[in-house]
Amino acid sequence: MQQHAAHLTLMLTDRHNRVRANTILALAPFEPNLVKKSVLSMMESPDSLSRASAAWVFGKLDYPHKGAALIQWLKLEKEDLVIAQIANSLGHLSKADLNFAAEVSAAFAEKQMEVA
């Protein structure tokens, strides 16, 4: 399995955002730290297609509190394509995850108001 993971790791540098996103999904069970770095890199990309793919793959990965992270990202994102994909990923969360995300988002907004 390590040999396959090593081969897949090379695909994280592919120029196509969908190849990178699918590679991240394939590596998730074996290389969680690399997957985290790769998703963050795609999320921070100036390319909206890469960010949209990051939103898609992030929605597919099993991370605690990803709903809260998606909501925070939604508040910052400007591109319609990426916003639509974040919303799509949010639509696949469980009700409990969505409730938690809403609570975290409300608490964050409240803190921001206190600072202002």
N, C-alpha and C. Protein backbone atom coordinates (compact mmCIF):
# COMPACT_ATOMS: atom_id res chain seq x y z
N MET A 1 0.82 -1.20 0.00
CA MET A 1 0.00 0.00 0.00
C MET A 1 0.86 1.26 0.00
N GLN A 2 2.02 1.20 0.66
CA GLN A 2 2.90 2.37 0.69
C GLN A 2 3.35 2.76 -0.71
N GLN A 3 3.57 1.77 -1.55
CA GLN A 3 4.00 2.05 -2.92
C GLN A 3 2.92 2.83 -3.66
N HIS A 4 1.66 2.45 -3.46
CA HIS A 4 0.56 3.16 -4.10
C HIS A 4 0.44 4.57 -3.55
N ALA A 5 0.60 4.71 -2.24
CA ALA A 5 0.53 6.04 -1.62
C ALA A 5 1.64 6.94 -2.16
N ALA A 6 2.83 6.38 -2.35
CA ALA A 6 3.94 7.16 -2.90
C ALA A 6 3.62 7.62 -4.32
N HIS A 7 3.05 6.74 -5.12
CA HIS A 7 2.66 7.10 -6.48
C HIS A 7 1.57 8.18 -6.46
N LEU A 8 0.60 8.01 -5.60
CA LEU A 8 -0.47 9.00 -5.50
C LEU A 8 0.05 10.36 -5.05
N THR A 9 1.02 10.35 -4.16
CA THR A 9 1.59 11.60 -3.67
C THR A 9 2.11 12.46 -4.82
N LEU A 10 2.69 11.82 -5.81
CA LEU A 10 3.18 12.55 -6.98
C LEU A 10 2.04 13.25 -7.72
N MET A 11 0.86 12.68 -7.66
CA MET A 11 -0.29 13.25 -8.37
C MET A 11 -0.82 14.51 -7.69
N LEU A 12 -0.38 14.78 -6.48
CA LEU A 12 -0.81 16.02 -5.80
C LEU A 12 -0.25 17.27 -6.47
N THR A 13 0.74 17.09 -7.33
CA THR A 13 1.32 18.23 -8.04
C THR A 13 0.75 18.37 -9.46
N ASP A 14 -0.21 17.54 -9.81
CA ASP A 14 -0.84 17.63 -11.13
C ASP A 14 -1.46 19.00 -11.32
N ARG A 15 -1.45 19.49 -12.54
CA ARG A 15 -1.99 20.83 -12.79
C ARG A 15 -3.52 20.87 -12.79
N HIS A 16 -4.15 19.73 -12.86
CA HIS A 16 -5.61 19.68 -12.88
C HIS A 16 -6.17 19.58 -11.46
N ASN A 17 -7.01 20.51 -11.12
CA ASN A 17 -7.57 20.56 -9.76
C ASN A 17 -8.36 19.31 -9.41
N ARG A 18 -9.07 18.72 -10.35
CA ARG A 18 -9.86 17.52 -10.06
C ARG A 18 -8.97 16.31 -9.78
N VAL A 19 -7.86 16.23 -10.48
CA VAL A 19 -6.92 15.14 -10.22
C VAL A 19 -6.39 15.27 -8.80
N ARG A 20 -6.01 16.49 -8.42
CA ARG A 20 -5.50 16.71 -7.06
C ARG A 20 -6.56 16.38 -6.01
N ALA A 21 -7.80 16.80 -6.25
CA ALA A 21 -8.88 16.55 -5.29
C ALA A 21 -9.14 15.05 -5.13
N ASN A 22 -9.20 14.33 -6.24
CA ASN A 22 -9.42 12.89 -6.15
C ASN A 22 -8.23 12.17 -5.53
N THR A 23 -7.04 12.68 -5.76
CA THR A 23 -5.85 12.10 -5.13
C THR A 23 -5.91 12.29 -3.62
N ILE A 24 -6.36 13.45 -3.20
CA ILE A 24 -6.52 13.72 -1.77
C ILE A 24 -7.48 12.70 -1.14
N LEU A 25 -8.59 12.45 -1.81
CA LEU A 25 -9.55 11.46 -1.29
C LEU A 25 -8.90 10.08 -1.18
N ALA A 26 -8.13 9.70 -2.18
CA ALA A 26 -7.50 8.38 -2.17
C ALA A 26 -6.44 8.28 -1.08
N LEU A 27 -5.75 9.37 -0.80
CA LEU A 27 -4.69 9.36 0.21
C LEU A 27 -5.19 9.52 1.65
N ALA A 28 -6.40 9.98 1.80
CA ALA A 28 -6.93 10.32 3.14
C ALA A 28 -6.73 9.24 4.20
N PRO A 29 -6.98 7.97 3.91
CA PRO A 29 -6.80 6.96 4.96
C PRO A 29 -5.33 6.69 5.32
N PHE A 30 -4.42 7.06 4.45
CA PHE A 30 -3.02 6.68 4.63
C PHE A 30 -2.10 7.84 5.02
N GLU A 31 -2.42 9.03 4.58
CA GLU A 31 -1.54 10.18 4.77
C GLU A 31 -2.33 11.39 5.28
N PRO A 32 -2.90 11.31 6.49
CA PRO A 32 -3.77 12.39 6.95
C PRO A 32 -3.08 13.76 7.04
N ASN A 33 -1.83 13.80 7.44
CA ASN A 33 -1.14 15.09 7.53
C ASN A 33 -0.90 15.70 6.16
N LEU A 34 -0.51 14.87 5.21
CA LEU A 34 -0.31 15.33 3.84
C LEU A 34 -1.63 15.80 3.23
N VAL A 35 -2.69 15.07 3.51
CA VAL A 35 -4.01 15.44 3.01
C VAL A 35 -4.42 16.80 3.55
N LYS A 36 -4.21 17.01 4.83
CA LYS A 36 -4.56 18.30 5.45
C LYS A 36 -3.81 19.45 4.79
N LYS A 37 -2.51 19.28 4.61
CA LYS A 37 -1.70 20.32 3.96
C LYS A 37 -2.15 20.57 2.53
N SER A 38 -2.48 19.49 1.83
CA SER A 38 -2.89 19.61 0.43
C SER A 38 -4.22 20.33 0.29
N VAL A 39 -5.17 20.00 1.16
CA VAL A 39 -6.47 20.68 1.12
C VAL A 39 -6.29 22.16 1.44
N LEU A 40 -5.51 22.46 2.46
CA LEU A 40 -5.27 23.87 2.81
C LEU A 40 -4.62 24.62 1.66
N SER A 41 -3.69 23.99 1.00
CA SER A 41 -3.04 24.62 -0.14
C SER A 41 -4.05 24.94 -1.24
N MET A 42 -4.94 24.00 -1.51
CA MET A 42 -5.97 24.25 -2.54
C MET A 42 -6.95 25.33 -2.08
N MET A 43 -7.28 25.35 -0.80
CA MET A 43 -8.21 26.36 -0.27
C MET A 43 -7.64 27.77 -0.41
N GLU A 44 -6.32 27.89 -0.31
CA GLU A 44 -5.66 29.19 -0.36
C GLU A 44 -5.23 29.58 -1.77
N SER A 45 -5.51 28.75 -2.74
CA SER A 45 -5.10 29.01 -4.12
C SER A 45 -5.79 30.25 -4.68
N PRO A 46 -5.10 31.03 -5.49
CA PRO A 46 -5.75 32.15 -6.17
C PRO A 46 -6.72 31.68 -7.27
N ASP A 47 -6.60 30.41 -7.66
CA ASP A 47 -7.44 29.84 -8.71
C ASP A 47 -8.78 29.37 -8.13
N SER A 48 -9.86 29.93 -8.62
CA SER A 48 -11.18 29.59 -8.08
C SER A 48 -11.55 28.12 -8.32
N LEU A 49 -11.08 27.53 -9.42
CA LEU A 49 -11.38 26.11 -9.67
C LEU A 49 -10.69 25.23 -8.63
N SER A 50 -9.48 25.59 -8.24
CA SER A 50 -8.80 24.83 -7.19
C SER A 50 -9.52 24.97 -5.86
N ARG A 51 -9.98 26.18 -5.55
CA ARG A 51 -10.72 26.38 -4.30
C ARG A 51 -12.05 25.63 -4.32
N ALA A 52 -12.72 25.61 -5.46
CA ALA A 52 -13.98 24.86 -5.56
C ALA A 52 -13.72 23.37 -5.37
N SER A 53 -12.65 22.86 -5.94
CA SER A 53 -12.31 21.45 -5.75
C SER A 53 -11.95 21.18 -4.30
N ALA A 54 -11.30 22.13 -3.66
CA ALA A 54 -10.98 21.99 -2.23
C ALA A 54 -12.27 21.91 -1.41
N ALA A 55 -13.24 22.72 -1.75
CA ALA A 55 -14.52 22.68 -1.03
C ALA A 55 -15.21 21.34 -1.23
N TRP A 56 -15.14 20.82 -2.45
CA TRP A 56 -15.74 19.52 -2.73
C TRP A 56 -15.07 18.42 -1.92
N VAL A 57 -13.73 18.37 -1.99
CA VAL A 57 -13.01 17.29 -1.31
C VAL A 57 -13.12 17.44 0.20
N PHE A 58 -13.10 18.67 0.70
CA PHE A 58 -13.23 18.89 2.14
C PHE A 58 -14.57 18.37 2.64
N GLY A 59 -15.61 18.56 1.84
CA GLY A 59 -16.92 18.05 2.20
C GLY A 59 -16.98 16.53 2.24
N LYS A 60 -16.12 15.87 1.47
CA LYS A 60 -16.09 14.41 1.41
C LYS A 60 -15.26 13.79 2.53
N LEU A 61 -14.30 14.54 3.05
CA LEU A 61 -13.40 14.00 4.07
C LEU A 61 -14.10 13.94 5.42
N ASP A 62 -13.65 13.03 6.24
CA ASP A 62 -14.24 12.84 7.56
C ASP A 62 -13.41 13.58 8.61
N TYR A 63 -13.73 14.86 8.80
CA TYR A 63 -13.05 15.67 9.80
C TYR A 63 -14.08 16.22 10.78
N PRO A 64 -13.75 16.18 12.05
CA PRO A 64 -14.68 16.77 13.02
C PRO A 64 -14.76 18.28 12.79
N HIS A 65 -15.90 18.82 12.97
CA HIS A 65 -16.13 20.27 12.90
C HIS A 65 -15.91 20.86 11.51
N LYS A 66 -15.98 20.04 10.48
CA LYS A 66 -15.78 20.59 9.14
C LYS A 66 -16.90 21.55 8.76
N GLY A 67 -18.07 21.35 9.34
CA GLY A 67 -19.18 22.26 9.05
C GLY A 67 -18.86 23.68 9.49
N ALA A 68 -18.29 23.83 10.67
CA ALA A 68 -17.91 25.15 11.17
C ALA A 68 -16.85 25.77 10.27
N ALA A 69 -15.90 24.96 9.83
CA ALA A 69 -14.85 25.46 8.94
C ALA A 69 -15.44 25.90 7.60
N LEU A 70 -16.37 25.11 7.08
CA LEU A 70 -17.01 25.48 5.81
C LEU A 70 -17.80 26.78 5.93
N ILE A 71 -18.49 26.96 7.03
CA ILE A 71 -19.26 28.19 7.22
C ILE A 71 -18.33 29.40 7.30
N GLN A 72 -17.22 29.26 8.02
CA GLN A 72 -16.27 30.37 8.11
C GLN A 72 -15.70 30.69 6.73
N TRP A 73 -15.39 29.66 5.97
CA TRP A 73 -14.86 29.85 4.63
C TRP A 73 -15.91 30.53 3.75
N LEU A 74 -17.15 30.11 3.89
CA LEU A 74 -18.25 30.69 3.12
C LEU A 74 -18.34 32.20 3.35
N LYS A 75 -18.10 32.63 4.57
CA LYS A 75 -18.17 34.05 4.90
C LYS A 75 -17.06 34.86 4.23
N LEU A 76 -15.94 34.22 3.93
CA LEU A 76 -14.79 34.91 3.36
C LEU A 76 -14.70 34.83 1.84
N GLU A 77 -15.30 33.81 1.27
CA GLU A 77 -15.16 33.55 -0.16
C GLU A 77 -15.93 34.56 -1.00
N LYS A 78 -15.34 34.96 -2.12
CA LYS A 78 -15.96 35.96 -3.01
C LYS A 78 -16.47 35.36 -4.33
N GLU A 79 -15.89 34.26 -4.77
CA GLU A 79 -16.23 33.67 -6.08
C GLU A 79 -17.49 32.81 -6.00
N ASP A 80 -18.43 33.07 -6.91
CA ASP A 80 -19.70 32.34 -6.91
C ASP A 80 -19.52 30.83 -7.06
N LEU A 81 -18.60 30.42 -7.92
CA LEU A 81 -18.36 28.99 -8.14
C LEU A 81 -17.94 28.30 -6.84
N VAL A 82 -17.06 28.94 -6.11
CA VAL A 82 -16.56 28.36 -4.86
C VAL A 82 -17.66 28.38 -3.80
N ILE A 83 -18.39 29.47 -3.74
CA ILE A 83 -19.51 29.59 -2.79
C ILE A 83 -20.53 28.48 -3.03
N ALA A 84 -20.83 28.23 -4.30
CA ALA A 84 -21.79 27.16 -4.63
C ALA A 84 -21.28 25.80 -4.17
N GLN A 85 -19.99 25.54 -4.33
CA GLN A 85 -19.45 24.24 -3.92
C GLN A 85 -19.39 24.12 -2.41
N ILE A 86 -19.08 25.20 -1.71
CA ILE A 86 -19.10 25.18 -0.25
C ILE A 86 -20.52 24.87 0.23
N ALA A 87 -21.50 25.54 -0.38
CA ALA A 87 -22.90 25.30 -0.02
C ALA A 87 -23.29 23.85 -0.29
N ASN A 88 -22.83 23.31 -1.41
CA ASN A 88 -23.10 21.91 -1.73
C ASN A 88 -22.50 20.99 -0.66
N SER A 89 -21.28 21.27 -0.25
CA SER A 89 -20.65 20.45 0.80
C SER A 89 -21.40 20.57 2.12
N LEU A 90 -21.86 21.77 2.43
CA LEU A 90 -22.65 21.96 3.65
C LEU A 90 -23.95 21.17 3.58
N GLY A 91 -24.50 21.05 2.40
CA GLY A 91 -25.75 20.32 2.21
C GLY A 91 -25.64 18.83 2.49
N HIS A 92 -24.43 18.32 2.54
CA HIS A 92 -24.23 16.89 2.80
C HIS A 92 -23.92 16.59 4.26
N LEU A 93 -23.88 17.61 5.10
CA LEU A 93 -23.58 17.39 6.52
C LEU A 93 -24.81 16.88 7.25
N SER A 94 -24.56 16.18 8.33
CA SER A 94 -25.67 15.72 9.16
C SER A 94 -26.29 16.91 9.89
N LYS A 95 -27.48 16.72 10.38
CA LYS A 95 -28.16 17.79 11.12
C LYS A 95 -27.36 18.19 12.36
N ALA A 96 -26.77 17.22 13.05
CA ALA A 96 -25.96 17.52 14.24
C ALA A 96 -24.75 18.37 13.87
N ASP A 97 -24.09 18.01 12.76
CA ASP A 97 -22.93 18.79 12.31
C ASP A 97 -23.33 20.20 11.92
N LEU A 98 -24.47 20.33 11.26
CA LEU A 98 -24.94 21.67 10.88
C LEU A 98 -25.29 22.51 12.10
N ASN A 99 -25.94 21.89 13.09
CA ASN A 99 -26.26 22.62 14.32
C ASN A 99 -25.00 23.09 15.02
N PHE A 100 -24.00 22.21 15.11
CA PHE A 100 -22.74 22.59 15.73
C PHE A 100 -22.08 23.72 14.95
N ALA A 101 -22.08 23.62 13.64
CA ALA A 101 -21.48 24.66 12.80
C ALA A 101 -22.18 26.00 13.01
N ALA A 102 -23.49 25.98 13.12
CA ALA A 102 -24.24 27.22 13.35
C ALA A 102 -23.89 27.82 14.71
N GLU A 103 -23.74 26.97 15.71
CA GLU A 103 -23.38 27.46 17.05
C GLU A 103 -21.99 28.09 17.05
N VAL A 104 -21.05 27.44 16.41
CA VAL A 104 -19.68 27.97 16.34
C VAL A 104 -19.67 29.28 15.57
N SER A 105 -20.40 29.32 14.47
CA SER A 105 -20.45 30.53 13.66
C SER A 105 -21.06 31.69 14.44
N ALA A 106 -22.12 31.43 15.18
CA ALA A 106 -22.76 32.47 15.99
C ALA A 106 -21.82 32.96 17.09
N ALA A 107 -21.12 32.05 17.73
CA ALA A 107 -20.17 32.43 18.77
C ALA A 107 -19.04 33.27 18.19
N PHE A 108 -18.57 32.90 17.01
CA PHE A 108 -17.50 33.66 16.35
C PHE A 108 -17.99 35.06 16.00
N ALA A 109 -19.20 35.17 15.48
CA ALA A 109 -19.76 36.47 15.14
C ALA A 109 -19.92 37.35 16.37
N GLU A 110 -20.35 36.74 17.45
CA GLU A 110 -20.51 37.46 18.71
C GLU A 110 -19.16 38.02 19.20
N LYS A 111 -18.13 37.22 19.11
CA LYS A 111 -16.79 37.66 19.51
C LYS A 111 -16.31 38.81 18.63
N GLN A 112 -16.61 38.73 17.34
CA GLN A 112 -16.20 39.79 16.42
C GLN A 112 -16.87 41.11 16.77
N MET A 113 -18.12 41.03 17.21
CA MET A 113 -18.86 42.24 17.59
C MET A 113 -18.25 42.85 18.86
N GLU A 114 -17.80 42.01 19.77
CA GLU A 114 -17.19 42.50 21.01
C GLU A 114 -15.89 43.25 20.72
N VAL A 115 -15.14 42.77 19.72
CA VAL A 115 -13.87 43.37 19.37
C VAL A 115 -14.09 44.72 18.67
N ALA A 116 -15.14 44.80 17.90
CA ALA A 116 -15.40 46.03 17.11
C ALA A 116 -15.87 47.19 17.93
